[in-house]
Protein backbone atom coordinates (compact mmCIF):
# COMPACT_ATOMS: atom_id res chain seq x y z
CA MET A 1 -4.04 -7.52 -21.89
CA ARG A 2 -3.22 -9.03 -18.51
CA SER A 3 -5.92 -10.93 -16.69
CA PRO A 4 -7.43 -9.35 -13.55
CA LEU A 5 -6.64 -12.61 -11.76
CA THR A 6 -2.97 -12.71 -12.67
CA SER A 7 -0.72 -14.99 -10.64
CA ASP A 8 2.04 -12.36 -10.77
CA PRO A 9 0.71 -8.91 -9.88
CA GLY A 10 4.19 -7.42 -10.26
CA THR A 11 6.47 -5.46 -7.95
CA PRO A 12 4.72 -2.26 -6.84
CA ASP A 13 6.17 1.19 -6.37
CA THR A 14 5.89 1.66 -2.61
CA ARG A 15 7.39 5.15 -2.36
CA GLY A 16 4.02 6.72 -1.66
CA PRO A 17 0.27 6.36 -2.31
CA LEU A 18 0.35 8.47 -5.49
CA ARG A 19 3.31 6.54 -6.93
CA PHE A 20 1.55 3.30 -6.08
CA LEU A 21 -1.62 4.38 -7.93
CA LEU A 22 0.43 5.47 -10.95
CA TRP A 23 2.27 2.14 -10.93
CA LEU A 24 -1.06 0.34 -10.79
CA ALA A 25 -2.25 2.32 -13.82
CA ARG A 26 0.87 1.34 -15.78
CA GLN A 27 0.35 -2.34 -14.97
CA GLN A 28 -2.95 -2.30 -16.87
CA LEU A 29 -1.94 0.29 -19.43
CA ALA A 30 -3.63 -1.39 -22.40
CA ILE A 31 -7.09 -1.53 -20.87
CA GLN A 32 -6.45 1.87 -19.29
CA LEU A 33 -5.88 3.44 -22.71
CA MET A 34 -8.90 1.68 -24.20
CA VAL A 35 -11.22 2.89 -21.47
CA LEU A 36 -9.83 6.42 -21.83
CA VAL A 37 -10.44 6.39 -25.58
CA ALA A 38 -13.95 4.94 -25.18
CA GLY A 39 -14.80 7.47 -22.47
CA THR A 40 -13.51 10.33 -24.60
CA VAL A 41 -15.43 9.23 -27.71
CA TRP A 42 -18.59 8.78 -25.63
CA MET A 43 -18.53 12.25 -24.08
CA VAL A 44 -17.33 14.07 -27.20
CA ALA A 45 -20.18 12.48 -29.17
CA LEU A 46 -22.62 13.74 -26.57
CA ALA A 47 -20.95 17.15 -26.59
CA LEU A 48 -21.36 17.50 -30.38
CA MET A 49 -25.08 16.75 -30.36
CA PRO A 50 -26.16 20.29 -29.32
CA ALA A 51 -24.06 21.67 -32.21
CA ALA A 52 -25.81 19.31 -34.63
CA VAL A 53 -29.21 20.33 -33.26
CA GLY A 54 -28.34 24.02 -33.66
CA ARG A 55 -27.18 23.48 -37.24
CA GLY A 56 -30.36 21.58 -38.02
CA ILE A 57 -32.41 24.51 -36.80
CA ASP A 58 -30.39 27.16 -38.65
CA GLN A 59 -29.88 25.22 -41.90
CA GLY A 60 -33.07 23.19 -41.99
CA ILE A 61 -36.02 24.54 -40.01
CA VAL A 62 -35.42 28.31 -40.32
CA PRO A 63 -34.88 28.40 -44.13
CA GLY A 64 -37.36 25.55 -44.70
CA ASP A 65 -34.69 23.30 -46.24
CA TRP A 66 -36.00 19.80 -45.56
CA ALA A 67 -33.02 18.16 -47.20
CA GLY A 68 -30.67 20.06 -44.89
CA LEU A 69 -32.86 19.15 -41.93
CA ALA A 70 -32.69 15.48 -42.92
CA ARG A 71 -28.90 15.63 -43.20
CA TRP A 72 -28.54 17.06 -39.70
CA ALA A 73 -31.15 14.64 -38.33
CA LEU A 74 -29.02 11.79 -39.68
CA ALA A 75 -25.96 13.41 -38.13
CA ILE A 76 -27.75 13.54 -34.78
CA LEU A 77 -28.75 9.89 -35.19
CA ALA A 78 -25.16 8.92 -36.02
CA LEU A 79 -23.82 10.82 -33.00
CA GLY A 80 -26.43 9.11 -30.82
CA ALA A 81 -25.48 5.67 -32.14
CA LEU A 82 -21.77 6.45 -31.64
CA ALA A 83 -22.41 7.69 -28.10
CA ALA A 84 -24.44 4.57 -27.29
CA ALA A 85 -21.79 2.20 -28.65
CA ALA A 86 -18.91 4.07 -27.03
CA GLY A 87 -20.85 4.35 -23.74
CA ALA A 88 -21.51 0.62 -23.61
CA THR A 89 -17.88 -0.14 -24.47
CA ARG A 90 -16.66 2.34 -21.89
CA HIS A 91 -18.83 0.79 -19.20
CA TYR A 92 -17.61 -2.72 -20.01
CA LEU A 93 -13.98 -1.65 -20.02
CA ALA A 94 -14.42 0.49 -16.91
CA VAL A 95 -15.78 -2.46 -14.93
CA GLN A 96 -12.89 -4.62 -16.13
CA ASN A 97 -10.48 -1.82 -15.26
CA TRP A 98 -12.03 -1.54 -11.81
CA LEU A 99 -11.86 -5.28 -11.18
CA SER A 100 -8.31 -5.51 -12.51
CA ALA A 101 -7.11 -2.78 -10.16
CA SER A 102 -9.05 -4.19 -7.21
CA TYR A 103 -7.91 -7.79 -7.64
CA ARG A 104 -4.33 -6.82 -8.41
CA THR A 105 -4.25 -4.72 -5.24
CA GLY A 106 -5.80 -7.61 -3.32
CA GLN A 107 -3.18 -10.01 -4.66
CA LEU A 108 -0.39 -7.61 -3.77
CA THR A 109 -1.79 -7.25 -0.26
CA ALA A 110 -2.15 -11.01 0.12
CA ARG A 111 1.42 -11.46 -1.10
CA GLY A 112 2.55 -8.89 1.46
CA VAL A 113 0.69 -10.74 4.20
CA GLU A 114 2.27 -14.04 3.16
CA ARG A 115 5.73 -12.49 2.90
CA SER A 116 5.66 -10.75 6.29
CA GLY A 117 4.15 -13.73 8.14
CA PRO A 118 3.84 -13.44 11.94
CA ALA A 119 5.59 -10.05 11.88
CA LEU A 120 2.44 -8.54 10.35
CA THR A 121 0.11 -9.20 13.28
CA ARG A 122 2.73 -7.87 15.68
CA THR A 123 2.77 -4.62 13.71
CA ILE A 124 -0.80 -4.20 12.45
CA PRO A 125 -3.97 -5.49 14.15
CA ALA A 126 -5.72 -8.33 12.35
CA GLY A 127 -8.92 -6.28 12.06
CA GLU A 128 -7.02 -3.55 10.20
CA VAL A 129 -5.73 -6.11 7.70
CA ILE A 130 -9.27 -7.46 7.23
CA ALA A 131 -10.55 -3.93 6.61
CA VAL A 132 -8.02 -3.49 3.82
CA PHE A 133 -9.30 -6.58 2.02
CA ALA A 134 -12.95 -5.79 2.76
CA GLY A 135 -13.02 -2.18 1.60
CA ASP A 136 -9.76 -0.52 0.64
CA VAL A 137 -8.96 -2.66 -2.40
CA MET A 138 -12.38 -1.84 -3.85
CA ARG A 139 -11.92 1.88 -3.17
CA ILE A 140 -8.73 1.77 -5.21
CA GLY A 141 -10.59 -0.01 -7.99
CA GLY A 142 -13.31 2.65 -7.84
CA LEU A 143 -10.78 5.29 -8.88
CA PHE A 144 -9.96 3.34 -12.05
CA ASP A 145 -13.67 2.89 -12.75
CA ALA A 146 -14.04 6.69 -12.98
CA ALA A 147 -10.81 7.26 -14.92
CA GLY A 148 -12.39 6.85 -18.38
CA ARG A 149 -15.25 9.21 -17.58
CA PHE A 150 -12.83 11.73 -16.10
CA THR A 151 -10.71 11.82 -19.26
CA GLY A 152 -13.82 12.11 -21.41
CA ALA A 153 -15.08 14.91 -19.19
CA VAL A 154 -11.87 16.92 -19.60
CA VAL A 155 -11.68 16.45 -23.38
CA SER A 156 -15.39 17.14 -23.96
CA TYR A 157 -15.15 20.22 -21.76
CA VAL A 158 -12.34 21.57 -23.95
CA VAL A 159 -14.32 20.68 -27.12
CA VAL A 160 -17.43 22.52 -25.92
CA GLY A 161 -15.36 25.49 -24.80
CA SER A 162 -13.65 25.64 -28.20
CA ILE A 163 -17.00 25.52 -30.03
CA LEU A 164 -18.36 28.28 -27.84
CA LEU A 165 -15.17 30.28 -28.29
CA ALA A 166 -15.52 30.11 -32.08
CA ALA A 167 -19.21 31.07 -31.97
CA SER A 168 -19.01 33.62 -29.17
CA PRO A 169 -15.67 34.52 -27.54
CA PRO A 170 -17.27 35.77 -24.29
CA LEU A 171 -19.15 32.50 -23.81
CA GLY A 172 -16.12 30.46 -24.82
CA TRP A 173 -13.84 32.18 -22.32
CA LEU A 174 -16.54 31.92 -19.67
CA VAL A 175 -16.53 28.14 -20.06
CA LEU A 176 -12.79 27.61 -20.55
CA VAL A 177 -11.72 29.83 -17.68
CA GLY A 178 -14.70 29.92 -15.36
CA GLY A 179 -15.00 26.16 -15.00
CA PRO A 180 -11.46 25.53 -13.72
CA VAL A 181 -11.74 28.54 -11.43
CA LEU A 182 -14.92 27.21 -9.84
CA LEU A 183 -13.48 23.71 -9.58
CA SER A 184 -10.38 25.09 -7.86
CA LEU A 185 -12.66 26.15 -5.04
CA LEU A 186 -13.07 22.44 -4.26
CA THR A 187 -9.64 22.48 -2.63
CA PHE A 188 -11.26 24.14 0.38
CA VAL A 189 -13.47 21.05 0.66
CA VAL A 190 -11.05 18.35 -0.48
CA ARG A 191 -8.36 18.86 2.15
CA PRO A 192 -10.57 18.68 5.24
CA LEU A 193 -12.49 15.81 3.62
CA GLN A 194 -9.26 13.86 3.14
CA ARG A 195 -8.25 14.36 6.77
CA ARG A 196 -11.65 13.36 8.10
CA GLN A 197 -11.95 10.33 5.82
CA ALA A 198 -8.51 9.16 6.93
CA ASP A 199 -9.60 9.50 10.56
CA GLN A 200 -12.82 7.63 9.82
CA ARG A 201 -10.90 4.85 8.09
CA GLU A 202 -8.56 4.57 11.10
CA GLN A 203 -11.41 4.37 13.59
CA THR A 204 -13.32 1.87 11.46
CA GLY A 205 -10.24 -0.37 11.37
CA ARG A 206 -10.02 -0.24 15.16
CA LEU A 207 -13.71 -1.16 15.41
CA THR A 208 -13.15 -4.12 13.08
CA THR A 209 -10.17 -5.23 15.17
CA LEU A 210 -12.18 -4.99 18.38
CA GLY A 211 -15.07 -6.92 16.84
CA ALA A 212 -12.80 -9.69 15.51
CA ASP A 213 -11.03 -9.91 18.87
CA THR A 214 -14.32 -10.15 20.75
CA VAL A 215 -15.79 -12.80 18.45
CA GLY A 216 -12.56 -14.82 18.51
CA GLY A 217 -12.53 -14.82 22.32
CA LEU A 218 -16.27 -15.18 22.88
CA ARG A 219 -15.92 -18.61 24.43
CA VAL A 220 -13.37 -17.29 26.92
CA LEU A 221 -15.46 -14.22 27.64
CA ARG A 222 -18.46 -16.34 28.49
CA GLY A 223 -16.33 -18.44 30.78
CA ILE A 224 -15.23 -15.43 32.84
CA GLY A 225 -18.47 -13.46 32.46
CA GLY A 226 -16.84 -10.64 30.52
CA GLU A 227 -19.30 -10.33 27.65
CA GLN A 228 -20.84 -7.10 28.90
CA THR A 229 -17.46 -5.46 29.42
CA PHE A 230 -16.40 -6.10 25.85
CA LEU A 231 -19.87 -5.20 24.59
CA ARG A 232 -19.55 -1.80 26.23
CA ARG A 233 -16.10 -1.34 24.69
CA TYR A 234 -17.49 -2.18 21.26
CA GLU A 235 -20.46 0.11 21.81
CA ALA A 236 -18.18 3.01 22.82
CA GLN A 237 -15.94 2.52 19.78
CA SER A 238 -18.90 2.21 17.41
CA GLN A 239 -20.30 5.48 18.76
CA HIS A 240 -16.93 7.10 18.18
CA VAL A 241 -16.97 5.81 14.59
CA ARG A 242 -20.49 7.23 14.20
CA ARG A 243 -19.38 10.66 15.40
CA VAL A 244 -16.39 10.62 13.07
CA GLY A 245 -18.70 9.55 10.24
CA VAL A 246 -21.04 12.46 10.96
CA ARG A 247 -18.05 14.84 10.73
CA VAL A 248 -17.16 13.31 7.38
CA ALA A 249 -20.78 13.54 6.21
CA GLY A 250 -20.83 17.33 6.60
CA VAL A 251 -17.83 17.84 4.33
CA GLN A 252 -18.96 15.06 2.00
CA ALA A 253 -22.31 16.80 1.64
CA SER A 254 -20.49 19.97 0.62
CA LEU A 255 -18.64 18.09 -2.10
CA ASP A 256 -21.83 16.38 -3.28
CA SER A 257 -23.70 19.66 -3.37
CA ALA A 258 -20.87 21.15 -5.42
CA GLN A 259 -21.70 18.54 -8.08
CA VAL A 260 -25.08 20.27 -8.44
CA LEU A 261 -24.11 23.85 -7.69
CA LEU A 262 -21.20 24.26 -10.10
CA PRO A 263 -23.02 22.87 -13.17
CA GLY A 264 -26.07 24.89 -12.15
CA ILE A 265 -24.04 28.09 -12.23
CA PHE A 266 -22.95 27.31 -15.77
CA VAL A 267 -26.46 26.51 -16.92
CA VAL A 268 -27.71 29.85 -15.61
CA LEU A 269 -24.80 31.92 -16.92
CA VAL A 270 -24.57 30.34 -20.37
CA THR A 271 -28.34 30.41 -20.89
CA TRP A 272 -28.69 33.99 -19.69
CA ILE A 273 -25.80 35.32 -21.77
CA GLY A 274 -26.88 33.29 -24.78
CA ALA A 275 -30.43 34.65 -24.54
CA ARG A 276 -29.07 38.22 -24.37
CA PHE A 277 -26.93 37.60 -27.45
CA ALA A 278 -29.90 36.11 -29.32
CA LEU A 279 -32.06 39.15 -28.52
CA ASP A 280 -29.27 41.43 -29.74
CA GLY A 281 -28.97 39.44 -32.95
CA ARG A 282 -25.40 38.41 -32.24
CA ILE A 283 -26.25 34.69 -32.44
CA THR A 284 -28.93 32.76 -34.30
CA ALA A 285 -31.87 30.83 -32.87
CA GLY A 286 -30.09 27.57 -33.61
CA GLN A 287 -27.00 28.74 -31.77
CA LEU A 288 -29.16 29.73 -28.78
CA VAL A 289 -30.62 26.21 -28.63
CA ALA A 290 -27.12 24.78 -29.04
CA PHE A 291 -25.80 26.98 -26.23
CA TYR A 292 -28.56 25.80 -23.93
CA GLY A 293 -27.69 22.22 -24.89
CA TYR A 294 -24.06 22.89 -24.08
CA ALA A 295 -25.04 24.34 -20.73
CA ALA A 296 -27.11 21.25 -19.95
CA PHE A 297 -24.33 18.95 -21.14
CA LEU A 298 -21.70 20.67 -19.02
CA THR A 299 -23.39 19.32 -15.90
CA MET A 300 -22.03 15.88 -16.81
CA PRO A 301 -18.29 16.65 -17.10
CA LEU A 302 -18.34 18.95 -14.10
CA ARG A 303 -20.07 16.38 -11.90
CA THR A 304 -17.68 13.74 -13.21
CA VAL A 305 -14.69 15.84 -12.18
CA THR A 306 -16.02 16.30 -8.64
CA GLU A 307 -16.85 12.58 -8.43
CA PHE A 308 -13.32 11.71 -9.59
CA THR A 309 -11.92 14.03 -6.94
CA ASP A 310 -13.90 12.23 -4.25
CA ARG A 311 -12.80 8.81 -5.47
CA PHE A 312 -9.20 9.91 -5.68
CA ILE A 313 -9.28 10.96 -2.02
CA ARG A 314 -10.70 7.58 -1.00
CA ALA A 315 -8.21 5.68 -3.16
CA HIS A 316 -5.29 7.73 -1.82
CA ILE A 317 -6.25 6.85 1.77
CA ALA A 318 -6.78 3.19 0.84
CA ALA A 319 -3.41 3.02 -0.94
CA ARG A 320 -1.73 4.33 2.20
CA LYS A 321 -3.25 1.43 4.17
CA VAL A 322 -2.12 -1.10 1.56
CA LEU A 323 1.41 0.30 1.60
CA ARG A 324 1.48 0.02 5.36
CA ILE A 325 1.00 -3.75 5.01
CA LEU A 326 3.54 -4.02 2.21
CA ALA A 327 6.10 -2.14 4.31
CA VAL A 328 6.14 -4.76 7.10
CA GLU A 329 9.41 -6.66 6.95
CA PRO A 330 9.33 -10.42 7.65
CA ASP A 331 11.12 -11.91 10.62
CA GLN A 332 13.36 -13.88 8.29
CA GLN A 333 14.58 -13.00 4.81
CA PRO A 334 13.93 -15.77 2.27
CA GLY A 335 17.48 -16.05 0.96
CA THR A 336 18.50 -17.82 -2.24
CA ARG A 337 17.82 -21.50 -2.76
CA GLY A 338 21.06 -23.44 -3.12
CA ALA A 339 23.21 -20.59 -1.78
CA SER A 340 24.86 -23.01 0.69
CA PRO A 341 25.17 -26.80 0.53
CA LEU A 342 22.34 -28.60 2.29
CA PRO A 343 23.32 -30.30 5.55
CA ASP A 344 23.20 -34.05 5.89
CA PRO A 345 20.07 -35.18 7.80
CA ALA A 346 22.40 -37.38 9.87
CA GLU A 347 24.04 -34.28 11.38
CA ASP A 348 23.09 -32.70 14.72
CA LEU A 349 21.10 -29.49 15.10
CA VAL A 350 22.66 -27.04 17.57
CA ASP A 351 21.28 -23.89 19.21
CA PRO A 352 24.38 -22.00 20.49
CA LEU A 353 22.31 -19.50 22.47
CA SER A 354 20.94 -22.15 24.82
CA GLY A 355 23.56 -24.84 24.28
CA VAL A 356 20.90 -27.36 23.22
CA ARG A 357 22.15 -30.08 20.88
CA VAL A 358 19.53 -32.11 19.04
CA ARG A 359 20.93 -35.48 18.11
CA ALA A 360 20.19 -36.67 14.60
CA GLY A 361 17.80 -39.58 14.29
CA ALA A 362 16.73 -39.38 17.94
CA LEU A 363 13.72 -38.19 19.91
CA THR A 364 14.90 -35.29 22.05
CA ALA A 365 12.73 -33.71 24.75
CA LEU A 366 13.24 -30.20 26.12
CA VAL A 367 12.06 -29.57 29.67
CA SER A 368 11.77 -26.28 31.53
CA ALA A 369 9.81 -24.84 34.43
CA ARG A 370 8.96 -22.00 32.05
CA PRO A 371 7.48 -23.44 28.81
CA GLU A 372 8.13 -20.17 26.97
CA GLU A 373 11.87 -20.83 27.24
CA THR A 374 11.69 -24.16 25.43
CA ALA A 375 9.20 -22.69 22.95
CA ALA A 376 11.77 -19.99 22.10
CA ILE A 377 14.40 -22.67 21.51
CA ALA A 378 11.96 -24.54 19.26
CA ASP A 379 11.46 -21.36 17.22
CA ARG A 380 15.20 -20.91 16.78
CA LEU A 381 15.61 -24.55 15.73
CA GLY A 382 13.11 -23.90 12.93
CA ARG A 383 14.38 -20.38 12.13
CA HIS A 384 11.21 -18.70 13.33
CA GLY A 385 10.76 -15.40 15.11
CA PRO A 386 12.49 -12.03 14.68
CA GLY A 387 16.23 -11.52 14.72
CA ARG A 388 19.20 -13.44 13.38
CA HIS A 389 19.84 -16.73 15.15
CA GLU A 390 23.06 -18.71 14.92
CA THR A 391 21.45 -22.15 14.95
CA THR A 392 23.54 -24.63 12.98
CA TRP A 393 22.80 -27.94 11.32
CA GLY A 394 25.87 -30.04 10.70
CA GLY A 395 27.99 -26.91 11.04
CA THR A 396 25.93 -24.95 8.50
CA ARG A 397 24.01 -21.98 9.81
CA LEU A 398 20.30 -22.09 9.04
CA HIS A 399 20.55 -18.42 8.02
CA ASP A 400 22.89 -19.43 5.21
CA LEU A 401 20.18 -21.65 3.73
CA SER A 402 17.15 -20.36 1.85
CA LEU A 403 14.07 -20.05 4.03
CA ALA A 404 12.12 -22.30 1.64
CA GLU A 405 14.68 -25.09 2.13
CA VAL A 406 14.53 -24.72 5.91
CA ARG A 407 10.74 -24.85 5.88
CA GLU A 408 10.77 -28.00 3.75
CA ARG A 409 13.22 -29.83 6.00
CA VAL A 410 12.35 -28.48 9.47
CA VAL A 411 8.73 -28.24 10.61
CA VAL A 412 7.75 -26.56 13.89
CA SER A 413 4.25 -27.31 15.20
CA GLU A 414 3.20 -24.64 17.70
CA ALA A 415 1.39 -25.22 20.98
CA ASP A 416 -1.73 -23.33 19.86
CA PRO A 417 -3.29 -25.59 17.21
CA ARG A 418 -4.98 -23.72 14.36
CA LEU A 419 -7.34 -25.45 11.98
CA PHE A 420 -8.63 -23.75 8.87
CA THR A 421 -12.06 -23.64 7.26
CA GLY A 422 -12.67 -26.20 4.51
CA ARG A 423 -12.46 -29.93 4.01
CA LEU A 424 -10.74 -31.83 6.80
CA ARG A 425 -8.61 -33.64 4.22
CA ASP A 426 -7.31 -30.34 2.78
CA GLY A 427 -6.53 -29.01 6.24
CA LEU A 428 -4.52 -32.09 7.18
CA LEU A 429 -2.62 -32.36 3.91
CA ALA A 430 -1.94 -28.60 3.67
CA GLY A 431 -1.35 -28.82 -0.07
CA ARG A 432 0.52 -32.15 -0.06
CA LEU A 433 -1.83 -33.96 -2.44
CA ALA A 434 0.45 -36.97 -2.96
CA HIS A 435 -0.60 -38.59 0.32
CA SER A 436 -3.13 -41.41 0.16
CA ASP A 437 -6.04 -41.93 2.54
CA GLN A 438 -4.08 -44.78 4.14
CA GLN A 439 -1.23 -42.40 4.98
CA VAL A 440 -3.67 -39.87 6.41
CA HIS A 441 -5.29 -42.56 8.54
CA ALA A 442 -1.88 -43.70 9.73
CA ALA A 443 -1.01 -40.18 10.89
CA LEU A 444 -4.36 -39.87 12.63
CA GLU A 445 -3.73 -43.21 14.33
CA VAL A 446 -0.37 -42.00 15.66
CA ALA A 447 -2.05 -38.83 16.94
CA SER A 448 -4.83 -40.95 18.50
CA ALA A 449 -7.34 -38.92 16.48
CA MET A 450 -9.30 -41.66 14.68
CA ASP A 451 -12.19 -41.04 17.06
CA VAL A 452 -12.28 -37.43 15.84
CA LEU A 453 -12.44 -38.63 12.23
CA GLU A 454 -15.20 -41.12 13.03
CA ALA A 455 -17.28 -38.34 14.60
CA VAL A 456 -17.20 -36.30 11.35
CA PRO A 457 -20.24 -37.24 9.17
CA ASP A 458 -18.31 -37.22 5.86
CA GLY A 459 -14.97 -38.38 7.23
CA LEU A 460 -12.00 -36.76 5.54
CA ASP A 461 -14.38 -34.88 3.23
CA GLY A 462 -16.20 -33.37 6.20
CA HIS A 463 -16.28 -29.60 6.63
CA VAL A 464 -14.15 -27.88 9.27
CA GLU A 465 -15.76 -24.74 10.64
CA GLU A 466 -13.86 -21.55 11.33
CA ARG A 467 -10.73 -22.27 13.41
CA GLY A 468 -12.11 -25.75 14.08
CA ARG A 469 -14.46 -24.36 16.71
CA SER A 470 -16.67 -27.47 16.58
CA TYR A 471 -13.77 -29.50 18.03
CA SER A 472 -12.52 -29.48 21.60
CA GLY A 473 -9.04 -28.23 22.45
CA GLY A 474 -7.71 -31.77 22.69
CA GLN A 475 -9.26 -32.76 19.36
CA ARG A 476 -7.75 -29.73 17.62
CA GLN A 477 -4.37 -30.53 19.17
CA ARG A 478 -4.44 -34.11 17.93
CA LEU A 479 -5.49 -33.07 14.42
CA ALA A 480 -2.65 -30.53 14.38
CA LEU A 481 -0.23 -33.28 15.41
CA ALA A 482 -1.47 -35.49 12.56
CA ARG A 483 -0.98 -32.57 10.16
CA ALA A 484 2.62 -32.14 11.34
CA LEU A 485 3.30 -35.88 10.95
CA LEU A 486 1.96 -35.84 7.40
CA ALA A 487 4.54 -33.18 6.52
CA ASP A 488 7.12 -35.92 7.20
CA PRO A 489 10.09 -33.53 7.52
CA GLU A 490 13.67 -34.50 8.25
CA VAL A 491 13.38 -32.59 11.54
CA LEU A 492 10.04 -32.33 13.38
CA VAL A 493 9.74 -29.93 16.33
CA LEU A 494 6.59 -30.26 18.45
CA VAL A 495 5.75 -27.65 21.08
CA GLU A 496 3.64 -29.08 23.92
CA PRO A 497 1.81 -31.49 21.57
CA THR A 498 -0.19 -33.28 24.32
CA SER A 499 -0.96 -30.51 26.80
CA ALA A 500 -4.73 -30.63 26.16
CA VAL A 501 -5.33 -34.41 26.19
CA ASP A 502 -5.99 -36.85 29.01
CA ALA A 503 -3.34 -39.16 30.43
CA HIS A 504 -4.50 -42.31 28.65
CA THR A 505 -4.54 -40.59 25.27
CA GLU A 506 -1.20 -38.96 26.02
CA ALA A 507 0.38 -42.34 26.77
CA ARG A 508 -0.84 -43.75 23.45
CA ILE A 509 0.43 -40.71 21.53
CA ALA A 510 3.85 -40.85 23.23
CA THR A 511 4.39 -44.51 22.36
CA ARG A 512 3.08 -44.22 18.79
CA LEU A 513 5.03 -41.01 18.12
CA ALA A 514 8.31 -42.63 19.20
CA ASP A 515 7.64 -45.58 16.88
CA ALA A 516 6.48 -43.46 13.93
CA ARG A 517 9.49 -41.13 14.10
CA ARG A 518 12.09 -43.79 14.89
CA SER A 519 15.45 -42.93 13.26
CA ARG A 520 14.07 -39.49 12.34
CA THR A 521 15.13 -36.34 14.18
CA THR A 522 12.32 -35.22 16.48
CA VAL A 523 12.17 -32.55 19.19
CA VAL A 524 9.37 -32.29 21.76
CA THR A 525 9.00 -29.55 24.36
CA THR A 526 7.07 -30.98 27.30
CA ALA A 527 7.06 -31.64 31.04
CA SER A 528 4.91 -34.77 30.76
CA PRO A 529 6.53 -37.91 32.27
CA LEU A 530 4.60 -40.05 29.77
CA VAL A 531 6.25 -38.32 26.81
CA LEU A 532 9.62 -37.90 28.52
CA GLY A 533 9.75 -41.62 29.20
CA GLU A 534 9.72 -42.33 25.45
CA ALA A 535 12.47 -39.80 24.63
CA ASP A 536 15.96 -40.96 23.70
CA HIS A 537 17.48 -37.83 25.21
CA VAL A 538 16.13 -35.22 27.60
CA VAL A 539 17.57 -31.72 27.98
CA LEU A 540 16.81 -29.67 31.09
CA VAL A 541 16.63 -25.93 30.37
CA GLU A 542 16.99 -23.39 33.18
CA ASP A 543 16.92 -19.65 32.55
CA GLY A 544 17.09 -20.35 28.82
CA VAL A 545 20.26 -22.47 29.04
CA ALA A 546 20.71 -26.25 28.89
CA THR A 547 21.98 -27.36 32.30
CA ALA A 548 21.63 -31.14 32.21
CA THR A 549 21.14 -33.94 29.69
CA GLY A 550 20.36 -37.63 29.95
CA THR A 551 17.47 -40.03 29.81
CA HIS A 552 14.26 -39.36 31.70
CA HIS A 553 15.09 -41.92 34.41
CA GLU A 554 18.66 -40.68 34.82
CA LEU A 555 17.58 -37.08 35.33
CA LEU A 556 14.68 -38.10 37.55
CA ALA A 557 17.05 -39.95 39.83
CA GLY A 558 19.95 -37.52 39.85
CA HIS A 559 18.64 -33.98 39.32
CA ALA A 560 16.40 -32.29 41.90
CA ALA A 561 15.32 -29.40 39.66
CA TYR A 562 14.28 -31.80 36.91
CA ARG A 563 12.44 -33.99 39.38
CA SER A 564 10.57 -30.96 40.74
CA ILE A 565 9.40 -29.91 37.27
CA VAL A 566 8.33 -33.39 36.21
CA ILE A 567 6.57 -34.28 39.45
CA ARG A 568 4.70 -30.98 39.32
CA GLY A 569 3.73 -31.71 35.73
CA GLU A 570 2.53 -35.17 36.76
CA GLU A 571 0.38 -33.65 39.50
CA ASP A 572 -1.07 -31.15 37.03
């Protein structure tokens, strides 16, 4: 039996929600079969108890045969013990089945998120992805929780119908035919319920997205006085979700009432017909009691079937949301490790689209009046972003290397620093546990972030709050720079690494960065004279194309456009 927390959830069938659910059932086939068997034994044992009671009456109480009564009493006790044991086993297995399906779905979704990367949030809002993890994976698990009871309900229904058919054909046919006919009427409820639940799930995802967006930008909203505007937007969307929920509730109430109505119809019909047969002498007193017991028992399988129908609808909608995440294609395909020979670190990195050449072992700065242009070049140098780029490293295209190899050797640190919840040490090392505290401190020293560390009560073991919100923008930027330095890649690309710090701190970072990365290939996109002065080579980018190269002082003296950008940056 595979563990619910398996490291390899498998490759799912993504050709549709139903195929996905069937694939999920096959992945946990062993426990699935066990829970089906336990559920069947449990319900069949309960279904046979009215028959044993009827036999006890006819063969023990009516003729006054106490030995016969004792035998059937023991049979009832044995059936009760079997039902109790099978019921407990079924419940244990059903919970494990539920958790296995839920966690496997969660792992598949997480793997899809990791695989698609930044392409996911461009396709699906973050709130929608959160809603999948928060609710949809559990709804899928809920279907597997009811699977054992559903199988037991179907088998026990056939068993009871067969017993009734042998004792009284009219009653037997009433149960075997009438039940499915009444349940087929649920299709008039199921289809509109499915549509309305899908609409409710869509609107709830939008509400979650709006809430996450508002909370994430609360600091900005307060700065511009826009809290009330976003509050009204959230209020309007929440009211829309409420109205959609009310529409769902009406149809849901119909399905829930069917769980009472349909079994009630059987209780009335079977009891009434059985009583008529008993008065006519066509059945015995024991059979009449047994028939009433059957009628009472049938409420369980019929309610189970309607419950399973409801859970299937919810799981079908949830599976559709999961498949939507899994269908997002990543910006870059991973490729095969070792497919092409690795380039020599001493070779230059070239972006043909812009004409930028990054010299090996040097600190190269990219300057542009439009920072987004140099940021785009930085992405291409690290094989980030959508599309196929022709960036080469020593004549080898990055696309011909596996993505894992590129990520190991080329690190791009974005302008927007993101810190993650947890220990500061873990956030800085990002899984690289081989680094010592001395190495971490050295990286923090280069990033001029030792004052940030000293302000944390527990130092490197201190807790970082969500997105590092307890730190200022400059502190987050310096910690992100230290994290990038600890990666120690062959090529380090830094996008505006000092845009949020003061001039004195920026000067220290520029000098220390040049020393720390000496003889290592480093690219910095910036318009800061303090950083540009430490660069070995500076490339001026205009309209996305490299138009001039040289040192900072050479370009400052001989290129008016460069001088205009740098002087403006100095004034800023």
